[in-house]
Amino acid sequence: MAGKQNEKRKSAKSSEKRLEKPDKRAKREKSGKRSAAEGFGARPLRELLRVTPGERPDLGGIDPSATPGGPVDKAAGVAATALLAQPLGSLQERLYAASTAGDRRRVLLILQGMDTSGKGGTLKHVIGLFNPSGCRIKAFKAPTEEELGHPFLWRIKQELPRPGEIGIFDRSHYEDVLIARVRELVPRNRVRARYAQINRFEKALADDGVTVVKVFLHIGYEEQRARLLQRLDNPDKHWKFNVGDIEERTVWPAYQEAYEVALERCSTDEAPWYVVPADRKWYRNWAISTLLREHLEDIDPQYPKGEFDVEECRRRLLAS
């Protein structure tokens, strides 16, 4: 038993090292621990977590409890996330303000992951840092009869953020190449065709000013079991428990493969995928907040200049 535990710990450490920047890894190996400042500003997180276009990630080789580029521990992570509220709020306000002068740019955050991976938690802890009036949130469930009567992207297009907004999708059009593939809801050749459709759709969004941020919340098999058990143990959480989640665990390998294929085929320059280890909730919240900050800073929205005579308006107000 001890040998198996040691082997598991070595595997986890190896996975985390693959996610770390080489110079950080060297410091870690030399000191035996990570410094409190490690991961802050040394390398953009969107480079560290990005899925390289055309390359298939090995999800089994990525430790879901890793904290690549992150704060030193939970306390530091919670504090660092709280400090992101001000810059995120300021960037959001500038994005909205710019839209009043005709700037069409906006952000779309897509959250995908197995059940209990933290999509709802992200909405609560990360999107809560923004002004809700500038956010457009949509949780996609099983398609309705009306939605089934349209092409699979139809219902997605109805919920896109408007200029100046930050849109958040809890699940998305990727369900149509994930569960549809695993459960064989449509022929496999139709699933294959959908990857190209998705890429064309997301490129069109980017061309129209949408910054697409796609996050795969990578939770471990054992961690998911623990979270489901917590829901069973707490009557106040029974409403969140779905008996079907137990059945879905029986095809976990098939879902991991489906995600790997989707990440490989649909991580593009216009709309890259990011793999966020999600076993540690504090890291998940910090990482997604940081990814949003980096993308908003890249957009660099500006307050529009007023098209009126400031001094004349001041004079008239003072005289009124």
C-alpha atoms as a PDB file:
ATOM      1  CA  MET A   1       0.000   0.000   0.000  1.00  0.00           C
ATOM      2  CA  ALA A   2       2.798   2.402   0.930  1.00  0.00           C
ATOM      3  CA  GLY A   3       4.474   1.726  -2.384  1.00  0.00           C
ATOM      4  CA  LYS A   4       1.328   2.601  -4.311  1.00  0.00           C
ATOM      5  CA  GLN A   5       0.892   5.816  -2.311  1.00  0.00           C
ATOM      6  CA  ASN A   6       4.482   6.842  -2.980  1.00  0.00           C
ATOM      7  CA  GLU A   7       4.030   6.114  -6.676  1.00  0.00           C
ATOM      8  CA  LYS A   8       0.847   8.225  -6.748  1.00  0.00           C
ATOM      9  CA  ARG A   9       2.608  11.137  -5.032  1.00  0.00           C
ATOM     10  CA  LYS A  10       5.492  10.948  -7.498  1.00  0.00           C
ATOM     11  CA  SER A  11       3.055  10.932 -10.423  1.00  0.00           C
ATOM     12  CA  ALA A  12       1.241  14.006  -9.055  1.00  0.00           C
ATOM     13  CA  LYS A  13       4.505  15.879  -8.557  1.00  0.00           C
ATOM     14  CA  SER A  14       5.649  14.955 -12.064  1.00  0.00           C
ATOM     15  CA  SER A  15       2.393  16.246 -13.556  1.00  0.00           C
ATOM     16  CA  GLU A  16       2.656  19.545 -11.706  1.00  0.00           C
ATOM     17  CA  LYS A  17       6.249  19.999 -12.833  1.00  0.00           C
ATOM     18  CA  ARG A  18       5.174  19.637 -16.460  1.00  0.00           C
ATOM     19  CA  LEU A  19       2.843  22.569 -15.917  1.00  0.00           C
ATOM     20  CA  GLU A  20       5.465  24.781 -14.297  1.00  0.00           C
ATOM     21  CA  LYS A  21       7.840  27.142 -16.011  1.00  0.00           C
ATOM     22  CA  PRO A  22      11.369  25.609 -16.144  1.00  0.00           C
ATOM     23  CA  ASP A  23      13.048  28.376 -14.079  1.00  0.00           C
ATOM     24  CA  LYS A  24      10.306  28.094 -11.438  1.00  0.00           C
ATOM     25  CA  ARG A  25      10.753  24.336 -11.410  1.00  0.00           C
ATOM     26  CA  ALA A  26      14.454  24.715 -10.755  1.00  0.00           C
ATOM     27  CA  LYS A  27      13.820  27.025  -7.790  1.00  0.00           C
ATOM     28  CA  ARG A  28      11.234  24.630  -6.432  1.00  0.00           C
ATOM     29  CA  GLU A  29      13.588  21.667  -6.656  1.00  0.00           C
ATOM     30  CA  LYS A  30      16.416  23.646  -5.072  1.00  0.00           C
ATOM     31  CA  SER A  31      14.461  24.997  -2.108  1.00  0.00           C
ATOM     32  CA  GLY A  32      11.948  22.183  -1.739  1.00  0.00           C
ATOM     33  CA  LYS A  33       9.029  24.626  -1.724  1.00  0.00           C
ATOM     34  CA  ARG A  34       7.509  27.506  -3.687  1.00  0.00           C
ATOM     35  CA  SER A  35       7.971  31.090  -2.629  1.00  0.00           C
ATOM     36  CA  ALA A  36       4.961  33.299  -1.918  1.00  0.00           C
ATOM     37  CA  ALA A  37       5.719  35.490  -4.939  1.00  0.00           C
ATOM     38  CA  GLU A  38       6.136  32.623  -7.389  1.00  0.00           C
ATOM     39  CA  GLY A  39       3.820  32.780 -10.376  1.00  0.00           C
ATOM     40  CA  PHE A  40       2.964  36.463 -10.133  1.00  0.00           C
ATOM     41  CA  GLY A  41       3.986  38.278 -13.300  1.00  0.00           C
ATOM     42  CA  ALA A  42       6.809  35.968 -14.336  1.00  0.00           C
ATOM     43  CA  ARG A  43       4.789  34.506 -17.199  1.00  0.00           C
ATOM     44  CA  PRO A  44       1.239  35.209 -18.386  1.00  0.00           C
ATOM     45  CA  LEU A  45      -1.111  32.527 -17.142  1.00  0.00           C
ATOM     46  CA  ARG A  46      -2.756  32.310 -20.537  1.00  0.00           C
ATOM     47  CA  GLU A  47       0.558  31.054 -21.916  1.00  0.00           C
ATOM     48  CA  LEU A  48       1.046  28.594 -19.079  1.00  0.00           C
ATOM     49  CA  LEU A  49      -2.421  26.995 -19.263  1.00  0.00           C
ATOM     50  CA  ARG A  50      -3.115  27.295 -22.989  1.00  0.00           C
ATOM     51  CA  VAL A  51      -3.692  24.227 -25.137  1.00  0.00           C
ATOM     52  CA  THR A  52      -1.365  24.474 -28.125  1.00  0.00           C
ATOM     53  CA  PRO A  53      -3.432  24.531 -31.346  1.00  0.00           C
ATOM     54  CA  GLY A  54      -3.333  21.185 -33.101  1.00  0.00           C
ATOM     55  CA  GLU A  55      -1.843  19.309 -30.138  1.00  0.00           C
ATOM     56  CA  ARG A  56      -3.832  16.799 -28.143  1.00  0.00           C
ATOM     57  CA  PRO A  57      -3.408  17.304 -24.386  1.00  0.00           C
ATOM     58  CA  ASP A  58      -2.947  14.288 -22.141  1.00  0.00           C
ATOM     59  CA  LEU A  59      -5.449  14.993 -19.386  1.00  0.00           C
ATOM     60  CA  GLY A  60      -4.301  11.911 -17.534  1.00  0.00           C
ATOM     61  CA  GLY A  61      -0.853  13.466 -17.285  1.00  0.00           C
ATOM     62  CA  ILE A  62      -2.079  16.774 -15.839  1.00  0.00           C
ATOM     63  CA  ASP A  63      -2.506  16.775 -12.081  1.00  0.00           C
ATOM     64  CA  PRO A  64      -5.976  18.238 -11.295  1.00  0.00           C
ATOM     65  CA  SER A  65      -4.690  19.350  -7.880  1.00  0.00           C
ATOM     66  CA  ALA A  66      -1.731  21.255  -9.346  1.00  0.00           C
ATOM     67  CA  THR A  67      -1.442  25.040  -8.976  1.00  0.00           C
ATOM     68  CA  PRO A  68       0.684  26.103 -11.972  1.00  0.00           C
ATOM     69  CA  GLY A  69       1.806  29.711 -11.726  1.00  0.00           C
ATOM     70  CA  GLY A  70      -0.406  30.228  -8.714  1.00  0.00           C
ATOM     71  CA  PRO A  71      -0.065  31.655  -5.195  1.00  0.00           C
ATOM     72  CA  VAL A  72       1.834  29.700  -2.574  1.00  0.00           C
ATOM     73  CA  ASP A  73      -1.207  28.353  -0.699  1.00  0.00           C
ATOM     74  CA  LYS A  74      -4.946  28.733  -0.129  1.00  0.00           C
ATOM     75  CA  ALA A  75      -4.682  31.793   2.108  1.00  0.00           C
ATOM     76  CA  ALA A  76      -2.481  33.578  -0.411  1.00  0.00           C
ATOM     77  CA  GLY A  77      -4.761  32.490  -3.251  1.00  0.00           C
ATOM     78  CA  VAL A  78      -7.911  33.827  -1.614  1.00  0.00           C
ATOM     79  CA  ALA A  79      -6.153  37.109  -0.850  1.00  0.00           C
ATOM     80  CA  ALA A  80      -4.781  37.392  -4.391  1.00  0.00           C
ATOM     81  CA  THR A  81      -8.222  36.764  -5.887  1.00  0.00           C
ATOM     82  CA  ALA A  82      -9.755  39.470  -3.700  1.00  0.00           C
ATOM     83  CA  LEU A  83      -7.112  41.917  -4.917  1.00  0.00           C
ATOM     84  CA  LEU A  84      -8.219  41.274  -8.501  1.00  0.00           C
ATOM     85  CA  ALA A  85     -11.660  42.745  -7.851  1.00  0.00           C
ATOM     86  CA  GLN A  86     -10.573  46.359  -8.336  1.00  0.00           C
ATOM     87  CA  PRO A  87      -8.670  45.958 -11.623  1.00  0.00           C
ATOM     88  CA  LEU A  88     -11.348  43.646 -13.023  1.00  0.00           C
ATOM     89  CA  GLY A  89     -14.101  46.094 -12.093  1.00  0.00           C
ATOM     90  CA  SER A  90     -12.200  48.980 -13.657  1.00  0.00           C
ATOM     91  CA  LEU A  91     -11.550  47.061 -16.879  1.00  0.00           C
ATOM     92  CA  GLN A  92     -15.191  46.018 -17.084  1.00  0.00           C
ATOM     93  CA  GLU A  93     -16.355  49.614 -16.670  1.00  0.00           C
ATOM     94  CA  ARG A  94     -13.997  50.782 -19.402  1.00  0.00           C
ATOM     95  CA  LEU A  95     -15.213  47.999 -21.702  1.00  0.00           C
ATOM     96  CA  TYR A  96     -18.831  49.038 -21.209  1.00  0.00           C
ATOM     97  CA  ALA A  97     -18.032  52.735 -21.507  1.00  0.00           C
ATOM     98  CA  ALA A  98     -16.220  52.150 -24.799  1.00  0.00           C
ATOM     99  CA  SER A  99     -19.308  50.419 -26.190  1.00  0.00           C
ATOM    100  CA  THR A 100     -21.344  53.605 -25.758  1.00  0.00           C
ATOM    101  CA  ALA A 101     -19.097  55.179 -28.403  1.00  0.00           C
ATOM    102  CA  GLY A 102     -19.490  52.306 -30.867  1.00  0.00           C
ATOM    103  CA  ASP A 103     -16.757  49.898 -29.708  1.00  0.00           C
ATOM    104  CA  ARG A 104     -18.139  46.408 -30.439  1.00  0.00           C
ATOM    105  CA  ARG A 105     -15.649  44.476 -28.333  1.00  0.00           C
ATOM    106  CA  ARG A 106     -16.853  42.126 -25.609  1.00  0.00           C
ATOM    107  CA  VAL A 107     -15.769  38.980 -23.766  1.00  0.00           C
ATOM    108  CA  LEU A 108     -17.246  35.475 -23.755  1.00  0.00           C
ATOM    109  CA  LEU A 109     -16.098  33.101 -21.005  1.00  0.00           C
ATOM    110  CA  ILE A 110     -16.968  29.481 -21.744  1.00  0.00           C
ATOM    111  CA  LEU A 111     -16.856  27.034 -18.820  1.00  0.00           C
ATOM    112  CA  GLN A 112     -16.765  23.311 -19.476  1.00  0.00           C
ATOM    113  CA  GLY A 113     -15.985  20.416 -17.200  1.00  0.00           C
ATOM    114  CA  MET A 114     -17.314  17.275 -15.595  1.00  0.00           C
ATOM    115  CA  ASP A 115     -20.065  17.580 -12.993  1.00  0.00           C
ATOM    116  CA  THR A 116     -18.863  19.188  -9.717  1.00  0.00           C
ATOM    117  CA  SER A 117     -15.807  20.679 -11.482  1.00  0.00           C
ATOM    118  CA  GLY A 118     -16.858  24.144 -10.332  1.00  0.00           C
ATOM    119  CA  LYS A 119     -18.776  25.890 -13.091  1.00  0.00           C
ATOM    120  CA  GLY A 120     -21.339  27.195 -10.604  1.00  0.00           C
ATOM    121  CA  GLY A 121     -18.641  28.061  -8.091  1.00  0.00           C
ATOM    122  CA  THR A 122     -16.847  30.100 -10.712  1.00  0.00           C
ATOM    123  CA  LEU A 123     -20.014  32.084 -11.371  1.00  0.00           C
ATOM    124  CA  LYS A 124     -20.325  32.811  -7.657  1.00  0.00           C
ATOM    125  CA  HIS A 125     -16.723  33.604  -6.762  1.00  0.00           C
ATOM    126  CA  VAL A 126     -15.267  34.988  -9.996  1.00  0.00           C
ATOM    127  CA  ILE A 127     -18.128  36.656 -11.814  1.00  0.00           C
ATOM    128  CA  GLY A 128     -19.131  38.084  -8.441  1.00  0.00           C
ATOM    129  CA  LEU A 129     -16.110  40.376  -8.799  1.00  0.00           C
ATOM    130  CA  PHE A 130     -17.842  42.156 -11.697  1.00  0.00           C
ATOM    131  CA  ASN A 131     -20.788  44.517 -11.880  1.00  0.00           C
ATOM    132  CA  PRO A 132     -23.672  42.103 -12.624  1.00  0.00           C
ATOM    133  CA  SER A 133     -25.430  44.676 -14.829  1.00  0.00           C
ATOM    134  CA  GLY A 134     -22.606  44.290 -17.363  1.00  0.00           C
ATOM    135  CA  CYS A 135     -22.686  40.480 -17.405  1.00  0.00           C
ATOM    136  CA  ARG A 136     -24.826  38.106 -19.439  1.00  0.00           C
ATOM    137  CA  ILE A 137     -24.932  34.623 -17.887  1.00  0.00           C
ATOM    138  CA  LYS A 138     -26.431  31.522 -19.451  1.00  0.00           C
ATOM    139  CA  ALA A 139     -26.457  27.950 -18.164  1.00  0.00           C
ATOM    140  CA  PHE A 140     -27.183  25.530 -20.987  1.00  0.00           C
ATOM    141  CA  LYS A 141     -29.235  22.463 -20.111  1.00  0.00           C
ATOM    142  CA  ALA A 142     -30.567  19.659 -22.288  1.00  0.00           C
ATOM    143  CA  PRO A 143     -31.992  21.127 -25.521  1.00  0.00           C
ATOM    144  CA  THR A 144     -35.695  21.968 -25.569  1.00  0.00           C
ATOM    145  CA  GLU A 145     -38.021  20.772 -28.319  1.00  0.00           C
ATOM    146  CA  GLU A 146     -37.727  24.150 -30.013  1.00  0.00           C
ATOM    147  CA  GLU A 147     -33.931  24.084 -29.831  1.00  0.00           C
ATOM    148  CA  LEU A 148     -33.800  20.565 -31.229  1.00  0.00           C
ATOM    149  CA  GLY A 149     -35.647  21.887 -34.273  1.00  0.00           C
ATOM    150  CA  HIS A 150     -32.721  24.156 -35.141  1.00  0.00           C
ATOM    151  CA  PRO A 151     -29.016  23.624 -35.934  1.00  0.00           C
ATOM    152  CA  PHE A 152     -27.019  23.026 -32.728  1.00  0.00           C
ATOM    153  CA  LEU A 153     -25.452  26.493 -32.743  1.00  0.00           C
ATOM    154  CA  TRP A 154     -28.812  28.258 -32.955  1.00  0.00           C
ATOM    155  CA  ARG A 155     -29.474  28.402 -29.220  1.00  0.00           C
ATOM    156  CA  ILE A 156     -25.915  29.566 -28.579  1.00  0.00           C
ATOM    157  CA  LYS A 157     -26.282  32.534 -30.904  1.00  0.00           C
ATOM    158  CA  GLN A 158     -29.349  33.724 -28.977  1.00  0.00           C
ATOM    159  CA  GLU A 159     -27.297  34.196 -25.792  1.00  0.00           C
ATOM    160  CA  LEU A 160     -24.138  35.920 -27.022  1.00  0.00           C
ATOM    161  CA  PRO A 161     -22.918  39.001 -25.125  1.00  0.00           C
ATOM    162  CA  ARG A 162     -23.650  42.398 -26.596  1.00  0.00           C
ATOM    163  CA  PRO A 163     -20.946  45.023 -27.157  1.00  0.00           C
ATOM    164  CA  GLY A 164     -19.403  46.075 -23.854  1.00  0.00           C
ATOM    165  CA  GLU A 165     -20.676  43.018 -21.973  1.00  0.00           C
ATOM    166  CA  ILE A 166     -18.975  40.041 -20.390  1.00  0.00           C
ATOM    167  CA  GLY A 167     -20.825  36.861 -21.297  1.00  0.00           C
ATOM    168  CA  ILE A 168     -20.493  33.641 -19.333  1.00  0.00           C
ATOM    169  CA  PHE A 169     -21.610  30.236 -20.553  1.00  0.00           C
ATOM    170  CA  ASP A 170     -22.078  27.438 -18.014  1.00  0.00           C
ATOM    171  CA  ARG A 171     -21.679  24.616 -20.557  1.00  0.00           C
ATOM    172  CA  SER A 172     -22.000  25.553 -24.205  1.00  0.00           C
ATOM    173  CA  HIS A 173     -22.040  24.326 -27.792  1.00  0.00           C
ATOM    174  CA  TYR A 174     -19.288  21.905 -26.796  1.00  0.00           C
ATOM    175  CA  GLU A 175     -21.908  19.651 -25.237  1.00  0.00           C
ATOM    176  CA  ASP A 176     -22.750  18.748 -28.830  1.00  0.00           C
ATOM    177  CA  VAL A 177     -19.323  17.178 -29.349  1.00  0.00           C
ATOM    178  CA  LEU A 178     -18.951  15.817 -25.800  1.00  0.00           C
ATOM    179  CA  ILE A 179     -22.082  14.084 -24.547  1.00  0.00           C
ATOM    180  CA  ALA A 180     -23.195  13.622 -28.157  1.00  0.00           C
ATOM    181  CA  ARG A 181     -19.958  11.717 -28.811  1.00  0.00           C
ATOM    182  CA  VAL A 182     -19.884   9.701 -25.576  1.00  0.00           C
ATOM    183  CA  ARG A 183     -23.547   8.741 -25.630  1.00  0.00           C
ATOM    184  CA  GLU A 184     -23.674   8.430 -29.437  1.00  0.00           C
ATOM    185  CA  LEU A 185     -26.656  10.755 -29.661  1.00  0.00           C
ATOM    186  CA  VAL A 186     -25.813  11.538 -33.293  1.00  0.00           C
ATOM    187  CA  PRO A 187     -23.754   9.686 -35.904  1.00  0.00           C
ATOM    188  CA  ARG A 188     -19.984   9.967 -35.393  1.00  0.00           C
ATOM    189  CA  ASN A 189     -19.468  11.631 -38.807  1.00  0.00           C
ATOM    190  CA  ARG A 190     -21.862  14.411 -37.755  1.00  0.00           C
ATOM    191  CA  VAL A 191     -19.891  14.930 -34.567  1.00  0.00           C
ATOM    192  CA  ARG A 192     -16.682  15.212 -36.598  1.00  0.00           C
ATOM    193  CA  ALA A 193     -18.261  17.841 -38.822  1.00  0.00           C
ATOM    194  CA  ARG A 194     -19.231  19.899 -35.793  1.00  0.00           C
ATOM    195  CA  TYR A 195     -15.620  20.610 -34.799  1.00  0.00           C
ATOM    196  CA  ALA A 196     -15.105  22.537 -38.030  1.00  0.00           C
ATOM    197  CA  GLN A 197     -18.455  24.300 -37.596  1.00  0.00           C
ATOM    198  CA  ILE A 198     -17.450  25.381 -34.110  1.00  0.00           C
ATOM    199  CA  ASN A 199     -14.108  26.713 -35.330  1.00  0.00           C
ATOM    200  CA  ARG A 200     -15.786  28.750 -38.067  1.00  0.00           C
ATOM    201  CA  PHE A 201     -18.357  30.057 -35.599  1.00  0.00           C
ATOM    202  CA  GLU A 202     -15.756  31.129 -33.054  1.00  0.00           C
ATOM    203  CA  LYS A 203     -13.569  32.760 -35.710  1.00  0.00           C
ATOM    204  CA  ALA A 204     -16.587  34.773 -36.832  1.00  0.00           C
ATOM    205  CA  LEU A 205     -17.103  35.854 -33.222  1.00  0.00           C
ATOM    206  CA  ALA A 206     -13.478  36.938 -32.929  1.00  0.00           C
ATOM    207  CA  ASP A 207     -13.722  38.858 -36.204  1.00  0.00           C
ATOM    208  CA  ASP A 208     -16.736  40.674 -34.766  1.00  0.00           C
ATOM    209  CA  GLY A 209     -14.895  41.785 -31.643  1.00  0.00           C
ATOM    210  CA  VAL A 210     -15.592  38.926 -29.237  1.00  0.00           C
ATOM    211  CA  THR A 211     -12.677  37.758 -27.087  1.00  0.00           C
ATOM    212  CA  VAL A 212     -13.441  34.084 -26.491  1.00  0.00           C
ATOM    213  CA  VAL A 213     -11.948  32.583 -23.316  1.00  0.00           C
ATOM    214  CA  LYS A 214     -12.586  28.834 -23.129  1.00  0.00           C
ATOM    215  CA  VAL A 215     -11.799  27.114 -19.840  1.00  0.00           C
ATOM    216  CA  PHE A 216     -11.814  23.379 -19.186  1.00  0.00           C
ATOM    217  CA  LEU A 217     -12.136  22.802 -15.453  1.00  0.00           C
ATOM    218  CA  HIS A 218      -9.985  19.713 -14.924  1.00  0.00           C
ATOM    219  CA  ILE A 219     -11.254  17.814 -11.882  1.00  0.00           C
ATOM    220  CA  GLY A 220      -9.945  14.448 -10.729  1.00  0.00           C
ATOM    221  CA  TYR A 221     -12.010  11.259 -10.570  1.00  0.00           C
ATOM    222  CA  GLU A 222     -11.499  10.856  -6.813  1.00  0.00           C
ATOM    223  CA  GLU A 223     -12.210  14.522  -6.116  1.00  0.00           C
ATOM    224  CA  GLN A 224     -15.492  14.304  -7.999  1.00  0.00           C
ATOM    225  CA  ARG A 225     -16.545  11.337  -5.859  1.00  0.00           C
ATOM    226  CA  ALA A 226     -15.704  13.288  -2.695  1.00  0.00           C
ATOM    227  CA  ARG A 227     -17.778  16.281  -3.824  1.00  0.00           C
ATOM    228  CA  LEU A 228     -20.746  14.108  -4.763  1.00  0.00           C
ATOM    229  CA  LEU A 229     -20.575  12.407  -1.363  1.00  0.00           C
ATOM    230  CA  GLN A 230     -20.565  15.811   0.327  1.00  0.00           C
ATOM    231  CA  ARG A 231     -23.808  16.612  -1.453  1.00  0.00           C
ATOM    232  CA  LEU A 232     -25.339  13.335  -0.274  1.00  0.00           C
ATOM    233  CA  ASP A 233     -24.191  13.952   3.289  1.00  0.00           C
ATOM    234  CA  ASN A 234     -25.802  17.393   3.448  1.00  0.00           C
ATOM    235  CA  PRO A 235     -29.613  17.491   3.011  1.00  0.00           C
ATOM    236  CA  ASP A 236     -29.343  21.161   2.066  1.00  0.00           C
ATOM    237  CA  LYS A 237     -27.302  20.097  -0.970  1.00  0.00           C
ATOM    238  CA  HIS A 238     -29.560  17.300  -2.167  1.00  0.00           C
ATOM    239  CA  TRP A 239     -31.115  19.649  -4.708  1.00  0.00           C
ATOM    240  CA  LYS A 240     -27.708  19.802  -6.401  1.00  0.00           C
ATOM    241  CA  PHE A 241     -27.327  16.020  -6.562  1.00  0.00           C
ATOM    242  CA  ASN A 242     -28.231  14.263  -9.779  1.00  0.00           C
ATOM    243  CA  VAL A 243     -28.510  10.475  -9.661  1.00  0.00           C
ATOM    244  CA  GLY A 244     -27.436  10.467 -13.299  1.00  0.00           C
ATOM    245  CA  ASP A 245     -23.985  11.699 -12.229  1.00  0.00           C
ATOM    246  CA  ILE A 246     -23.256   8.228 -10.867  1.00  0.00           C
ATOM    247  CA  GLU A 247     -23.978   6.690 -14.252  1.00  0.00           C
ATOM    248  CA  GLU A 248     -21.829   9.300 -15.987  1.00  0.00           C
ATOM    249  CA  ARG A 249     -18.861   8.235 -13.839  1.00  0.00           C
ATOM    250  CA  THR A 250     -18.976   4.802 -15.466  1.00  0.00           C
ATOM    251  CA  VAL A 251     -17.926   6.373 -18.757  1.00  0.00           C
ATOM    252  CA  TRP A 252     -15.317   8.743 -17.291  1.00  0.00           C
ATOM    253  CA  PRO A 253     -12.533   7.558 -19.667  1.00  0.00           C
ATOM    254  CA  ALA A 254     -14.790   8.180 -22.661  1.00  0.00           C
ATOM    255  CA  TYR A 255     -15.473  11.732 -21.469  1.00  0.00           C
ATOM    256  CA  GLN A 256     -11.777  12.386 -20.927  1.00  0.00           C
ATOM    257  CA  GLU A 257     -11.094  11.240 -24.472  1.00  0.00           C
ATOM    258  CA  ALA A 258     -13.948  13.376 -25.814  1.00  0.00           C
ATOM    259  CA  TYR A 259     -12.528  16.424 -24.045  1.00  0.00           C
ATOM    260  CA  GLU A 260      -9.025  15.726 -25.336  1.00  0.00           C
ATOM    261  CA  VAL A 261     -10.314  15.546 -28.917  1.00  0.00           C
ATOM    262  CA  ALA A 262     -12.356  18.745 -28.530  1.00  0.00           C
ATOM    263  CA  LEU A 263      -9.402  20.591 -26.982  1.00  0.00           C
ATOM    264  CA  GLU A 264      -7.121  19.416 -29.774  1.00  0.00           C
ATOM    265  CA  ARG A 265      -9.436  20.254 -32.648  1.00  0.00           C
ATOM    266  CA  CYS A 266     -10.930  23.469 -31.299  1.00  0.00           C
ATOM    267  CA  SER A 267      -8.030  25.276 -29.611  1.00  0.00           C
ATOM    268  CA  THR A 268      -7.257  27.932 -32.191  1.00  0.00           C
ATOM    269  CA  ASP A 269      -5.409  31.232 -32.336  1.00  0.00           C
ATOM    270  CA  GLU A 270      -8.759  33.038 -32.368  1.00  0.00           C
ATOM    271  CA  ALA A 271     -10.311  31.002 -29.538  1.00  0.00           C
ATOM    272  CA  PRO A 272      -7.789  28.988 -27.512  1.00  0.00           C
ATOM    273  CA  TRP A 273      -8.626  26.519 -24.778  1.00  0.00           C
ATOM    274  CA  TYR A 274      -7.162  26.731 -21.263  1.00  0.00           C
ATOM    275  CA  VAL A 275      -6.900  23.750 -18.919  1.00  0.00           C
ATOM    276  CA  VAL A 276      -7.402  24.893 -15.314  1.00  0.00           C
ATOM    277  CA  PRO A 277      -6.711  22.271 -12.624  1.00  0.00           C
ATOM    278  CA  ALA A 278      -9.870  22.400 -10.519  1.00  0.00           C
ATOM    279  CA  ASP A 279      -9.405  20.157  -7.499  1.00  0.00           C
ATOM    280  CA  ARG A 280      -8.358  23.183  -5.443  1.00  0.00           C
ATOM    281  CA  LYS A 281     -11.242  25.657  -5.570  1.00  0.00           C
ATOM    282  CA  TRP A 282      -9.121  28.602  -4.478  1.00  0.00           C
ATOM    283  CA  TYR A 283      -6.713  28.018  -7.342  1.00  0.00           C
ATOM    284  CA  ARG A 284      -9.587  27.642  -9.822  1.00  0.00           C
ATOM    285  CA  ASN A 285     -11.012  30.997  -8.762  1.00  0.00           C
ATOM    286  CA  TRP A 286      -7.651  32.759  -8.884  1.00  0.00           C
ATOM    287  CA  ALA A 287      -6.697  31.245 -12.248  1.00  0.00           C
ATOM    288  CA  ILE A 288      -9.936  32.164 -14.036  1.00  0.00           C
ATOM    289  CA  SER A 289      -9.912  35.661 -12.530  1.00  0.00           C
ATOM    290  CA  THR A 290      -6.341  36.082 -13.716  1.00  0.00           C
ATOM    291  CA  LEU A 291      -7.131  34.802 -17.213  1.00  0.00           C
ATOM    292  CA  LEU A 292      -9.964  37.320 -17.484  1.00  0.00           C
ATOM    293  CA  ARG A 293      -7.730  40.136 -16.259  1.00  0.00           C
ATOM    294  CA  GLU A 294      -5.041  39.267 -18.807  1.00  0.00           C
ATOM    295  CA  HIS A 295      -7.525  39.203 -21.687  1.00  0.00           C
ATOM    296  CA  LEU A 296      -9.215  42.437 -20.629  1.00  0.00           C
ATOM    297  CA  GLU A 297      -5.829  44.135 -20.316  1.00  0.00           C
ATOM    298  CA  ASP A 298      -5.008  42.935 -23.823  1.00  0.00           C
ATOM    299  CA  ILE A 299      -8.257  44.490 -25.093  1.00  0.00           C
ATOM    300  CA  ASP A 300      -7.279  47.680 -23.230  1.00  0.00           C
ATOM    301  CA  PRO A 301     -10.659  49.442 -23.539  1.00  0.00           C
ATOM    302  CA  GLN A 302     -10.600  53.214 -23.113  1.00  0.00           C
ATOM    303  CA  TYR A 303     -13.129  55.692 -21.812  1.00  0.00           C
ATOM    304  CA  PRO A 304     -14.564  57.622 -24.778  1.00  0.00           C
ATOM    305  CA  LYS A 305     -13.985  61.341 -24.943  1.00  0.00           C
ATOM    306  CA  GLY A 306     -17.005  63.545 -24.390  1.00  0.00           C
ATOM    307  CA  GLU A 307     -18.239  65.272 -27.547  1.00  0.00           C
ATOM    308  CA  PHE A 308     -19.187  68.508 -25.824  1.00  0.00           C
ATOM    309  CA  ASP A 309     -17.569  71.665 -24.509  1.00  0.00           C
ATOM    310  CA  VAL A 310     -16.614  70.829 -20.932  1.00  0.00           C
ATOM    311  CA  GLU A 311     -15.979  74.407 -19.839  1.00  0.00           C
ATOM    312  CA  GLU A 312     -19.197  75.666 -21.391  1.00  0.00           C
ATOM    313  CA  CYS A 313     -21.174  72.979 -19.604  1.00  0.00           C
ATOM    314  CA  ARG A 314     -19.416  73.832 -16.345  1.00  0.00           C
ATOM    315  CA  ARG A 315     -20.285  77.524 -16.760  1.00  0.00           C
ATOM    316  CA  ARG A 316     -23.921  76.756 -17.446  1.00  0.00           C
ATOM    317  CA  LEU A 317     -24.192  74.410 -14.462  1.00  0.00           C
ATOM    318  CA  LEU A 318     -22.654  76.945 -12.116  1.00  0.00           C
ATOM    319  CA  ALA A 319     -25.053  79.573 -13.392  1.00  0.00           C
ATOM    320  CA  SER A 320     -28.126  77.369 -13.028  1.00  0.00           C
END
